[in-house]
Amino acid sequence: MLFMPKDDELRERCRAAFEGCLEASGMKLLCWRKVPTCNDEIGHTAKMAEVCMQAYCTPARQGAQRSVLCS
């Protein structure tokens, strides 16, 4: 699993780098998932460190299909 940062630009750069590493190592990305959060009672500093996306991956298998986003 990988947790992604909230910043859109940084998240896209991280996503591209992570997917490149997976491909180079022969692993497959199963899906990206938005992390459910409830931040009603946490402070500003904690909200700034909150994650927003999570990746699931597995070793490559023949016939496995890649999903871009899962819920």
C-alpha atoms as a PDB file:
ATOM      1  CA  MET A   1       0.000   0.000   0.000  1.00  0.00           C
ATOM      2  CA  LEU A   2       1.020   3.554  -0.622  1.00  0.00           C
ATOM      3  CA  PHE A   3      -0.608   6.667   0.790  1.00  0.00           C
ATOM      4  CA  MET A   4      -0.509   9.746  -1.418  1.00  0.00           C
ATOM      5  CA  PRO A   5      -0.223  13.430  -0.448  1.00  0.00           C
ATOM      6  CA  LYS A   6      -3.184  15.829  -0.694  1.00  0.00           C
ATOM      7  CA  ASP A   7      -1.449  18.348  -2.971  1.00  0.00           C
ATOM      8  CA  ASP A   8      -2.717  17.683  -6.533  1.00  0.00           C
ATOM      9  CA  GLU A   9       0.545  18.382  -8.370  1.00  0.00           C
ATOM     10  CA  LEU A  10       2.686  16.437  -5.924  1.00  0.00           C
ATOM     11  CA  ARG A  11       0.200  13.550  -5.920  1.00  0.00           C
ATOM     12  CA  GLU A  12       0.321  13.258  -9.722  1.00  0.00           C
ATOM     13  CA  ARG A  13       4.132  13.262  -9.704  1.00  0.00           C
ATOM     14  CA  CYS A  14       4.149  10.602  -6.987  1.00  0.00           C
ATOM     15  CA  ARG A  15       1.549   8.547  -8.857  1.00  0.00           C
ATOM     16  CA  ALA A  16       3.600   8.579 -12.064  1.00  0.00           C
ATOM     17  CA  ALA A  17       6.813   7.665 -10.228  1.00  0.00           C
ATOM     18  CA  PHE A  18       5.109   4.875  -8.274  1.00  0.00           C
ATOM     19  CA  GLU A  19       3.475   3.376 -11.376  1.00  0.00           C
ATOM     20  CA  GLY A  20       6.839   3.505 -13.162  1.00  0.00           C
ATOM     21  CA  CYS A  21       8.514   1.655 -10.290  1.00  0.00           C
ATOM     22  CA  LEU A  22       5.770  -0.974 -10.263  1.00  0.00           C
ATOM     23  CA  GLU A  23       6.090  -1.558 -13.986  1.00  0.00           C
ATOM     24  CA  ALA A  24       9.879  -1.785 -13.785  1.00  0.00           C
ATOM     25  CA  SER A  25       9.637  -4.382 -11.008  1.00  0.00           C
ATOM     26  CA  GLY A  26       7.005  -6.485 -12.780  1.00  0.00           C
ATOM     27  CA  MET A  27       4.267  -5.673 -10.263  1.00  0.00           C
ATOM     28  CA  LYS A  28       0.715  -4.709 -11.174  1.00  0.00           C
ATOM     29  CA  LEU A  29      -1.396  -1.893  -9.799  1.00  0.00           C
ATOM     30  CA  LEU A  30      -4.746  -3.253  -8.650  1.00  0.00           C
ATOM     31  CA  CYS A  31      -6.421   0.076  -7.971  1.00  0.00           C
ATOM     32  CA  TRP A  32      -6.261   3.573  -6.576  1.00  0.00           C
ATOM     33  CA  ARG A  33      -8.723   4.279  -3.787  1.00  0.00           C
ATOM     34  CA  LYS A  34      -9.779   7.540  -2.158  1.00  0.00           C
ATOM     35  CA  VAL A  35      -9.122   7.253   1.571  1.00  0.00           C
ATOM     36  CA  PRO A  36     -12.260   7.976   3.591  1.00  0.00           C
ATOM     37  CA  THR A  37     -11.603  10.454   6.367  1.00  0.00           C
ATOM     38  CA  CYS A  38     -13.560  12.278   9.036  1.00  0.00           C
ATOM     39  CA  ASN A  39     -11.490  15.240  10.108  1.00  0.00           C
ATOM     40  CA  ASP A  40     -14.158  17.181  11.989  1.00  0.00           C
ATOM     41  CA  GLU A  41     -12.298  17.090  15.296  1.00  0.00           C
ATOM     42  CA  ILE A  42      -8.639  17.361  14.323  1.00  0.00           C
ATOM     43  CA  GLY A  43      -6.528  20.475  14.163  1.00  0.00           C
ATOM     44  CA  HIS A  44      -5.050  22.339  11.213  1.00  0.00           C
ATOM     45  CA  THR A  45      -1.634  20.633  11.429  1.00  0.00           C
ATOM     46  CA  ALA A  46      -3.185  17.160  11.428  1.00  0.00           C
ATOM     47  CA  LYS A  47      -5.410  18.081   8.460  1.00  0.00           C
ATOM     48  CA  MET A  48      -2.338  19.189   6.506  1.00  0.00           C
ATOM     49  CA  ALA A  49      -0.808  15.708   6.949  1.00  0.00           C
ATOM     50  CA  GLU A  50      -3.985  13.822   6.041  1.00  0.00           C
ATOM     51  CA  VAL A  51      -3.674  11.378   3.135  1.00  0.00           C
ATOM     52  CA  CYS A  52      -6.137  11.249   0.266  1.00  0.00           C
ATOM     53  CA  MET A  53      -5.265   8.363  -2.069  1.00  0.00           C
ATOM     54  CA  GLN A  54      -4.101   4.835  -1.440  1.00  0.00           C
ATOM     55  CA  ALA A  55      -2.688   2.298  -3.906  1.00  0.00           C
ATOM     56  CA  TYR A  56      -2.959  -1.477  -3.821  1.00  0.00           C
ATOM     57  CA  CYS A  57      -0.543  -3.591  -5.849  1.00  0.00           C
ATOM     58  CA  THR A  58       0.385  -7.213  -6.324  1.00  0.00           C
ATOM     59  CA  PRO A  59       2.993  -9.249  -8.172  1.00  0.00           C
ATOM     60  CA  ALA A  60       2.160  -9.548 -11.865  1.00  0.00           C
ATOM     61  CA  ARG A  61      -0.014 -12.478 -12.882  1.00  0.00           C
ATOM     62  CA  GLN A  62      -1.062 -13.529 -16.332  1.00  0.00           C
ATOM     63  CA  GLY A  63      -4.601 -12.485 -17.154  1.00  0.00           C
ATOM     64  CA  ALA A  64      -4.825  -9.952 -14.304  1.00  0.00           C
ATOM     65  CA  GLN A  65      -6.523  -6.708 -15.235  1.00  0.00           C
ATOM     66  CA  ARG A  66      -5.627  -3.292 -13.935  1.00  0.00           C
ATOM     67  CA  SER A  67      -8.284  -1.013 -12.479  1.00  0.00           C
ATOM     68  CA  VAL A  68      -7.598   2.728 -12.409  1.00  0.00           C
ATOM     69  CA  LEU A  69      -9.788   3.578  -9.433  1.00  0.00           C
ATOM     70  CA  CYS A  70     -11.739   1.464  -6.968  1.00  0.00           C
ATOM     71  CA  SER A  71     -14.097   2.524  -4.215  1.00  0.00           C
END
